C-alpha atoms as a PDB file:
ATOM      1  CA  MET A   1      -0.100  -0.009  -0.048  1.00  0.00           C
ATOM      2  CA  ARG A   2       2.586   2.294   0.977  1.00  0.00           C
ATOM      3  CA  LEU A   3       4.555   1.798  -2.417  1.00  0.00           C
ATOM      4  CA  LEU A   4       1.484   2.359  -4.436  1.00  0.00           C
ATOM      5  CA  ALA A   5       0.425   5.691  -2.570  1.00  0.00           C
ATOM      6  CA  ARG A   6       4.129   7.046  -3.033  1.00  0.00           C
ATOM      7  CA  HIS A   7       3.551   6.999  -6.942  1.00  0.00           C
ATOM      8  CA  SER A   8       2.024  10.504  -7.344  1.00  0.00           C
ATOM      9  CA  ASP A   9       0.026   9.323 -10.425  1.00  0.00           C
ATOM     10  CA  ALA A  10      -1.780   6.184  -8.117  1.00  0.00           C
ATOM     11  CA  ALA A  11      -1.850   8.213  -4.814  1.00  0.00           C
ATOM     12  CA  THR A  12      -5.323   9.299  -4.894  1.00  0.00           C
ATOM     13  CA  ASP A  13      -6.742   6.257  -5.950  1.00  0.00           C
ATOM     14  CA  VAL A  14      -4.997   4.512  -3.183  1.00  0.00           C
ATOM     15  CA  ARG A  15      -6.327   6.601  -0.835  1.00  0.00           C
ATOM     16  CA  THR A  16      -9.973   6.141  -2.206  1.00  0.00           C
ATOM     17  CA  LEU A  17      -9.611   2.091  -1.983  1.00  0.00           C
ATOM     18  CA  LEU A  18      -8.118   2.547   1.618  1.00  0.00           C
ATOM     19  CA  ARG A  19     -10.697   5.145   2.370  1.00  0.00           C
ATOM     20  CA  LEU A  20     -13.704   2.895   0.724  1.00  0.00           C
ATOM     21  CA  TYR A  21     -12.115  -0.533   2.558  1.00  0.00           C
ATOM     22  CA  LEU A  22     -12.049   1.133   5.997  1.00  0.00           C
ATOM     23  CA  ASP A  23     -15.468   2.438   5.712  1.00  0.00           C
ATOM     24  CA  VAL A  24     -17.040  -0.459   5.007  1.00  0.00           C
ATOM     25  CA  ARG A  25     -14.599  -2.879   7.136  1.00  0.00           C
ATOM     26  CA  PHE A  26     -14.197  -0.998  10.490  1.00  0.00           C
ATOM     27  CA  GLY A  27     -17.103   1.810   9.817  1.00  0.00           C
ATOM     28  CA  GLY A  28     -20.399  -0.150   9.734  1.00  0.00           C
ATOM     29  CA  HIS A  29     -21.046   1.288   6.022  1.00  0.00           C
ATOM     30  CA  ARG A  30     -22.395  -0.926   3.333  1.00  0.00           C
ATOM     31  CA  ALA A  31     -20.790  -0.698   0.262  1.00  0.00           C
ATOM     32  CA  SER A  32     -23.273   1.125  -2.312  1.00  0.00           C
ATOM     33  CA  SER A  33     -23.262   0.511  -5.864  1.00  0.00           C
ATOM     34  CA  ALA A  34     -21.683   4.141  -6.082  1.00  0.00           C
ATOM     35  CA  ASP A  35     -18.796   2.906  -3.706  1.00  0.00           C
ATOM     36  CA  VAL A  36     -18.495  -0.326  -5.927  1.00  0.00           C
ATOM     37  CA  ALA A  37     -17.839   1.861  -8.918  1.00  0.00           C
ATOM     38  CA  ARG A  38     -15.726   4.211  -7.587  1.00  0.00           C
ATOM     39  CA  ALA A  39     -13.698   1.180  -6.344  1.00  0.00           C
ATOM     40  CA  ARG A  40     -13.707  -0.297  -9.854  1.00  0.00           C
ATOM     41  CA  GLU A  41     -12.526   3.131 -11.431  1.00  0.00           C
ATOM     42  CA  SER A  42      -9.554   3.089  -8.636  1.00  0.00           C
ATOM     43  CA  LEU A  43      -8.544  -0.099  -9.271  1.00  0.00           C
ATOM     44  CA  ARG A  44      -8.405   0.439 -13.067  1.00  0.00           C
ATOM     45  CA  ALA A  45      -6.531   3.580 -12.769  1.00  0.00           C
ATOM     46  CA  VAL A  46      -3.611   1.913 -10.154  1.00  0.00           C
ATOM     47  CA  GLN A  47      -3.443  -0.834 -12.826  1.00  0.00           C
ATOM     48  CA  GLU A  48      -2.897   1.466 -15.699  1.00  0.00           C
ATOM     49  CA  VAL A  49      -0.057   3.278 -13.399  1.00  0.00           C
ATOM     50  CA  TRP A  50       1.752   0.232 -12.567  1.00  0.00           C
ATOM     51  CA  SER A  51       1.439  -1.750 -15.972  1.00  0.00           C
END
């Protein structure tokens, strides 16, 4: 996670994924369809940076 976050092009998307994960895992928040879509977009963006 730290390695990914250091790459400036991926940092925002990594933070988004972390926030979404923490909200669902520890915050009692249920992932909405918008959350899932945002997570998918962030994962694609990280993949593009690291491919």
